[in-house]
């Protein structure tokens, strides 16, 4: 039906816009993660606690294996990973819709990608 086709094209358009938004969000998180990295990338700098914070598990090897608080860059990396998974899922959904070989769905995906990149 025509109403179903219009709704399908709008859904694909919105999925394409969301895909572009997630792609930009991932780039912003990458920039923040790079700024949060310590200047020295030695293993000691990545695992040492922040200045002024004492580690309660100094002598316990079992507690040292699982740090209580993770550094900022780790949480940015977790966020990037979640954004990547969302981007892959959205990309495959749009690809499967385009593979229906419907010209209107294809145009909706192109228009959504264009609009998402523009915004």
N, C-alpha and C. Protein backbone atom coordinates (compact mmCIF):
# COMPACT_ATOMS: atom_id res chain seq x y z
N UNK A 1 0.84 -1.19 0.00
CA UNK A 1 0.00 0.00 0.00
C UNK A 1 0.89 1.25 0.00
N UNK A 2 0.37 2.35 -0.52
CA UNK A 2 1.18 3.58 -0.57
C UNK A 2 1.57 4.10 0.82
N UNK A 3 0.66 3.99 1.79
CA UNK A 3 0.99 4.47 3.14
C UNK A 3 2.11 3.63 3.75
N UNK A 4 2.09 2.34 3.54
CA UNK A 4 3.14 1.47 4.04
C UNK A 4 4.49 1.77 3.40
N UNK A 5 4.46 2.09 2.10
CA UNK A 5 5.71 2.41 1.41
C UNK A 5 6.28 3.73 1.93
N UNK A 6 5.42 4.72 2.14
CA UNK A 6 5.88 6.01 2.67
C UNK A 6 6.47 5.81 4.07
N UNK A 7 5.80 5.02 4.89
CA UNK A 7 6.30 4.76 6.23
C UNK A 7 7.65 4.02 6.17
N UNK A 8 7.78 3.06 5.27
CA UNK A 8 9.04 2.33 5.13
C UNK A 8 10.18 3.26 4.71
N UNK A 9 9.91 4.14 3.77
CA UNK A 9 10.94 5.08 3.31
C UNK A 9 11.33 6.02 4.45
N UNK A 10 10.35 6.48 5.23
CA UNK A 10 10.67 7.36 6.36
C UNK A 10 11.49 6.64 7.42
N UNK A 11 11.18 5.39 7.69
CA UNK A 11 11.95 4.63 8.68
C UNK A 11 13.39 4.45 8.21
N UNK A 12 13.58 4.13 6.94
CA UNK A 12 14.93 3.96 6.40
C UNK A 12 15.67 5.30 6.41
N UNK A 13 14.96 6.37 6.10
CA UNK A 13 15.57 7.70 6.14
C UNK A 13 16.05 8.01 7.56
N UNK A 14 15.22 7.75 8.55
CA UNK A 14 15.60 8.01 9.94
C UNK A 14 16.75 7.09 10.40
N UNK A 15 16.74 5.83 9.97
CA UNK A 15 17.84 4.93 10.31
C UNK A 15 19.16 5.43 9.71
N UNK A 16 19.10 5.96 8.49
CA UNK A 16 20.31 6.49 7.86
C UNK A 16 20.81 7.73 8.57
N UNK A 17 19.90 8.60 9.01
CA UNK A 17 20.29 9.79 9.77
C UNK A 17 20.92 9.36 11.09
N UNK A 18 20.31 8.39 11.75
CA UNK A 18 20.85 7.89 13.01
C UNK A 18 22.23 7.26 12.82
N UNK A 19 22.43 6.56 11.71
CA UNK A 19 23.73 5.97 11.41
C UNK A 19 24.80 7.05 11.33
N UNK A 20 24.50 8.14 10.63
CA UNK A 20 25.46 9.23 10.50
C UNK A 20 25.71 9.91 11.85
N UNK A 21 24.67 10.04 12.65
CA UNK A 21 24.82 10.65 13.98
C UNK A 21 25.72 9.79 14.87
N UNK A 22 25.54 8.48 14.83
CA UNK A 22 26.37 7.58 15.62
C UNK A 22 27.81 7.64 15.14
N UNK A 23 28.00 7.75 13.83
CA UNK A 23 29.35 7.85 13.28
C UNK A 23 30.05 9.11 13.80
N UNK A 24 29.33 10.21 13.85
CA UNK A 24 29.91 11.46 14.38
C UNK A 24 30.14 11.36 15.88
N UNK A 25 29.23 10.74 16.60
CA UNK A 25 29.41 10.55 18.04
C UNK A 25 30.63 9.72 18.35
N UNK A 26 30.88 8.72 17.52
CA UNK A 26 32.06 7.88 17.70
C UNK A 26 33.34 8.69 17.48
N UNK A 27 33.33 9.58 16.51
CA UNK A 27 34.50 10.43 16.25
C UNK A 27 34.75 11.39 17.41
N UNK A 28 33.67 11.94 17.99
CA UNK A 28 33.81 12.83 19.14
C UNK A 28 34.39 12.08 20.34
N UNK A 29 33.91 10.86 20.57
CA UNK A 29 34.44 10.05 21.67
C UNK A 29 35.91 9.70 21.45
N UNK A 30 36.30 9.44 20.20
CA UNK A 30 37.69 9.15 19.92
C UNK A 30 38.56 10.35 20.26
N UNK A 31 38.12 11.53 19.91
CA UNK A 31 38.88 12.74 20.22
C UNK A 31 39.03 12.91 21.74
N UNK A 32 37.93 12.71 22.47
CA UNK A 32 37.99 12.83 23.93
C UNK A 32 38.86 11.76 24.55
N UNK A 33 38.82 10.55 23.99
CA UNK A 33 39.66 9.47 24.52
C UNK A 33 41.13 9.78 24.30
N UNK A 34 41.47 10.34 23.15
CA UNK A 34 42.86 10.69 22.90
C UNK A 34 43.33 11.79 23.82
N UNK A 35 42.46 12.72 24.15
CA UNK A 35 42.82 13.78 25.09
C UNK A 35 42.96 13.25 26.51
N UNK A 36 42.25 12.17 26.84
CA UNK A 36 42.29 11.61 28.19
C UNK A 36 43.49 10.69 28.41
N UNK A 37 44.15 10.29 27.34
CA UNK A 37 45.32 9.41 27.50
C UNK A 37 46.44 10.16 28.20
N UNK A 38 47.19 9.47 29.04
CA UNK A 38 48.35 10.12 29.65
C UNK A 38 49.41 10.42 28.59
N UNK A 39 50.24 11.42 28.87
CA UNK A 39 51.28 11.81 27.91
C UNK A 39 52.27 10.67 27.67
N UNK A 40 52.58 9.92 28.71
CA UNK A 40 53.47 8.78 28.58
C UNK A 40 52.61 7.53 28.41
N UNK A 41 52.88 6.75 27.40
CA UNK A 41 52.07 5.56 27.16
C UNK A 41 52.74 4.30 27.71
N UNK A 42 53.60 4.47 28.69
CA UNK A 42 54.21 3.30 29.30
C UNK A 42 53.17 2.52 30.09
N UNK A 43 53.44 1.28 30.30
CA UNK A 43 52.49 0.43 31.04
C UNK A 43 52.26 0.96 32.44
N UNK A 44 53.30 1.52 33.07
CA UNK A 44 53.14 2.04 34.42
C UNK A 44 52.18 3.22 34.45
N UNK A 45 52.27 4.10 33.45
CA UNK A 45 51.41 5.28 33.42
C UNK A 45 49.96 4.91 33.19
N UNK A 46 49.72 3.82 32.47
CA UNK A 46 48.35 3.41 32.20
C UNK A 46 47.71 2.69 33.37
N UNK A 47 48.51 2.06 34.22
CA UNK A 47 47.93 1.28 35.31
C UNK A 47 48.07 1.94 36.66
N UNK A 48 48.90 2.98 36.78
CA UNK A 48 49.05 3.64 38.07
C UNK A 48 47.80 4.40 38.45
N UNK A 49 47.46 4.44 39.74
CA UNK A 49 46.34 5.27 40.16
C UNK A 49 46.69 6.74 40.01
N UNK A 50 45.66 7.58 39.97
CA UNK A 50 45.86 9.02 39.84
C UNK A 50 46.61 9.56 41.04
N UNK A 51 47.25 10.72 40.86
CA UNK A 51 47.99 11.34 41.96
C UNK A 51 47.05 11.66 43.11
N UNK A 52 47.51 11.41 44.32
CA UNK A 52 46.70 11.72 45.49
C UNK A 52 45.77 10.59 45.89
N UNK A 53 45.62 9.57 45.06
CA UNK A 53 44.75 8.44 45.38
C UNK A 53 45.63 7.29 45.83
N UNK A 54 45.35 6.75 46.97
CA UNK A 54 46.12 5.60 47.44
C UNK A 54 45.36 4.34 47.10
N UNK A 55 46.09 3.32 46.77
CA UNK A 55 45.47 2.05 46.43
C UNK A 55 45.34 1.21 47.69
N UNK A 56 44.13 0.79 48.07
CA UNK A 56 43.97 -0.01 49.27
C UNK A 56 44.49 -1.43 49.10
N UNK A 57 44.75 -1.87 47.90
CA UNK A 57 45.15 -3.25 47.66
C UNK A 57 46.61 -3.34 47.29
N UNK A 58 47.48 -2.63 48.00
CA UNK A 58 48.89 -2.58 47.64
C UNK A 58 49.55 -3.96 47.72
N UNK A 59 49.23 -4.75 48.72
CA UNK A 59 49.93 -6.01 48.89
C UNK A 59 49.15 -7.21 48.40
N UNK A 60 47.93 -7.06 48.00
CA UNK A 60 47.09 -8.18 47.63
C UNK A 60 47.10 -8.38 46.12
N UNK A 61 47.72 -9.46 45.61
CA UNK A 61 47.76 -9.66 44.17
C UNK A 61 46.39 -9.94 43.56
N UNK A 62 45.49 -10.56 44.30
CA UNK A 62 44.18 -10.86 43.73
C UNK A 62 43.38 -9.58 43.53
N UNK A 63 43.51 -8.62 44.41
CA UNK A 63 42.79 -7.36 44.24
C UNK A 63 43.48 -6.45 43.24
N UNK A 64 44.78 -6.60 43.07
CA UNK A 64 45.49 -5.77 42.10
C UNK A 64 45.14 -6.17 40.67
N UNK A 65 44.71 -7.41 40.46
CA UNK A 65 44.36 -7.86 39.12
C UNK A 65 43.10 -7.17 38.62
N UNK A 66 42.22 -6.77 39.52
CA UNK A 66 40.99 -6.10 39.16
C UNK A 66 40.96 -4.73 39.83
N UNK A 67 41.42 -3.69 39.14
CA UNK A 67 41.44 -2.39 39.78
C UNK A 67 40.04 -1.90 40.11
N UNK A 68 39.95 -1.18 41.21
CA UNK A 68 38.65 -0.69 41.68
C UNK A 68 38.12 0.39 40.75
N UNK A 69 38.98 1.31 40.35
CA UNK A 69 38.54 2.37 39.45
C UNK A 69 39.38 2.32 38.18
N UNK A 70 38.71 2.42 37.06
CA UNK A 70 39.39 2.40 35.79
C UNK A 70 39.74 3.83 35.39
N UNK A 71 40.79 4.02 34.61
CA UNK A 71 41.14 5.37 34.15
C UNK A 71 40.09 5.90 33.16
N UNK A 72 40.10 7.21 32.99
CA UNK A 72 39.11 7.86 32.11
C UNK A 72 39.15 7.31 30.70
N UNK A 73 40.35 7.08 30.17
CA UNK A 73 40.45 6.64 28.78
C UNK A 73 39.76 5.29 28.59
N UNK A 74 39.73 4.44 29.63
CA UNK A 74 39.07 3.14 29.52
C UNK A 74 37.57 3.31 29.29
N UNK A 75 36.95 4.23 30.01
CA UNK A 75 35.50 4.45 29.85
C UNK A 75 35.19 5.05 28.49
N UNK A 76 36.07 5.91 27.98
CA UNK A 76 35.88 6.41 26.62
C UNK A 76 35.96 5.26 25.60
N UNK A 77 36.86 4.31 25.86
CA UNK A 77 37.00 3.17 24.96
C UNK A 77 35.75 2.28 25.01
N UNK A 78 35.19 2.11 26.20
CA UNK A 78 33.94 1.34 26.32
C UNK A 78 32.83 2.04 25.54
N UNK A 79 32.74 3.36 25.67
CA UNK A 79 31.73 4.12 24.92
C UNK A 79 31.93 3.99 23.43
N UNK A 80 33.18 4.05 22.97
CA UNK A 80 33.46 3.89 21.55
C UNK A 80 33.04 2.50 21.07
N UNK A 81 33.28 1.49 21.88
CA UNK A 81 32.91 0.14 21.51
C UNK A 81 31.39 0.02 21.34
N UNK A 82 30.65 0.59 22.27
CA UNK A 82 29.18 0.54 22.17
C UNK A 82 28.68 1.31 20.95
N UNK A 83 29.28 2.47 20.69
CA UNK A 83 28.91 3.23 19.49
C UNK A 83 29.24 2.43 18.23
N UNK A 84 30.36 1.71 18.24
CA UNK A 84 30.73 0.92 17.07
C UNK A 84 29.71 -0.20 16.81
N UNK A 85 29.32 -0.89 17.88
CA UNK A 85 28.33 -1.96 17.73
C UNK A 85 27.02 -1.40 17.18
N UNK A 86 26.58 -0.26 17.72
CA UNK A 86 25.35 0.37 17.23
C UNK A 86 25.50 0.78 15.77
N UNK A 87 26.66 1.30 15.39
CA UNK A 87 26.88 1.71 14.01
C UNK A 87 26.84 0.51 13.07
N UNK A 88 27.44 -0.59 13.46
CA UNK A 88 27.43 -1.79 12.62
C UNK A 88 26.01 -2.32 12.45
N UNK A 89 25.25 -2.37 13.55
CA UNK A 89 23.88 -2.88 13.48
C UNK A 89 23.03 -1.99 12.56
N UNK A 90 23.13 -0.68 12.74
CA UNK A 90 22.36 0.23 11.88
C UNK A 90 22.79 0.12 10.42
N UNK A 91 24.08 0.00 10.20
CA UNK A 91 24.57 -0.14 8.83
C UNK A 91 24.03 -1.38 8.15
N UNK A 92 24.03 -2.50 8.87
CA UNK A 92 23.49 -3.73 8.28
C UNK A 92 21.98 -3.64 8.06
N UNK A 93 21.27 -2.96 8.95
CA UNK A 93 19.82 -2.81 8.76
C UNK A 93 19.52 -1.99 7.50
N UNK A 94 20.26 -0.89 7.31
CA UNK A 94 20.06 -0.07 6.11
C UNK A 94 20.47 -0.86 4.88
N UNK A 95 21.57 -1.61 4.96
CA UNK A 95 22.02 -2.41 3.82
C UNK A 95 20.97 -3.46 3.43
N UNK A 96 20.40 -4.12 4.43
CA UNK A 96 19.38 -5.12 4.12
C UNK A 96 18.14 -4.49 3.48
N UNK A 97 17.79 -3.29 3.93
CA UNK A 97 16.65 -2.60 3.32
C UNK A 97 16.96 -2.23 1.87
N UNK A 98 18.17 -1.76 1.62
CA UNK A 98 18.56 -1.39 0.25
C UNK A 98 18.60 -2.63 -0.64
N UNK A 99 18.98 -3.76 -0.07
CA UNK A 99 19.05 -4.99 -0.85
C UNK A 99 17.68 -5.52 -1.26
N UNK A 100 16.62 -4.85 -0.85
CA UNK A 100 15.29 -5.23 -1.34
C UNK A 100 15.10 -4.79 -2.79
N UNK A 101 16.07 -4.02 -3.32
CA UNK A 101 16.05 -3.53 -4.70
C UNK A 101 14.82 -2.68 -5.00
N UNK A 102 14.36 -1.97 -4.00
CA UNK A 102 13.26 -1.03 -4.18
C UNK A 102 13.88 0.36 -4.34
N UNK A 103 13.54 1.04 -5.44
CA UNK A 103 14.15 2.34 -5.73
C UNK A 103 13.80 3.37 -4.66
N UNK A 104 12.57 3.33 -4.14
CA UNK A 104 12.17 4.31 -3.13
C UNK A 104 12.93 4.11 -1.82
N UNK A 105 13.12 2.86 -1.44
CA UNK A 105 13.90 2.55 -0.23
C UNK A 105 15.34 3.02 -0.42
N UNK A 106 15.89 2.77 -1.61
CA UNK A 106 17.25 3.21 -1.91
C UNK A 106 17.36 4.73 -1.82
N UNK A 107 16.41 5.44 -2.39
CA UNK A 107 16.43 6.90 -2.32
C UNK A 107 16.26 7.40 -0.89
N UNK A 108 15.46 6.70 -0.09
CA UNK A 108 15.31 7.07 1.32
C UNK A 108 16.62 6.91 2.08
N UNK A 109 17.36 5.83 1.78
CA UNK A 109 18.66 5.61 2.43
C UNK A 109 19.66 6.68 2.02
N UNK A 110 19.68 7.03 0.75
CA UNK A 110 20.59 8.07 0.26
C UNK A 110 20.22 9.42 0.86
N UNK A 111 18.93 9.75 0.87
CA UNK A 111 18.49 11.04 1.42
C UNK A 111 18.79 11.11 2.92
N UNK A 112 18.58 10.02 3.64
CA UNK A 112 18.86 10.00 5.08
C UNK A 112 20.35 10.15 5.37
N UNK A 113 21.17 9.49 4.57
CA UNK A 113 22.61 9.60 4.76
C UNK A 113 23.08 11.03 4.47
N UNK A 114 22.53 11.62 3.43
CA UNK A 114 22.88 13.00 3.08
C UNK A 114 22.44 13.95 4.17
N UNK A 115 21.21 13.82 4.64
CA UNK A 115 20.70 14.68 5.68
C UNK A 115 21.46 14.50 6.99
N UNK A 116 21.77 13.25 7.35
CA UNK A 116 22.52 12.98 8.57
C UNK A 116 23.92 13.56 8.52
N UNK A 117 24.57 13.49 7.37
CA UNK A 117 25.90 14.08 7.25
C UNK A 117 25.83 15.60 7.32
N UNK A 118 24.79 16.17 6.72
CA UNK A 118 24.64 17.62 6.73
C UNK A 118 24.40 18.17 8.14
N UNK A 119 23.60 17.45 8.90
CA UNK A 119 23.29 17.91 10.26
C UNK A 119 24.50 17.72 11.13
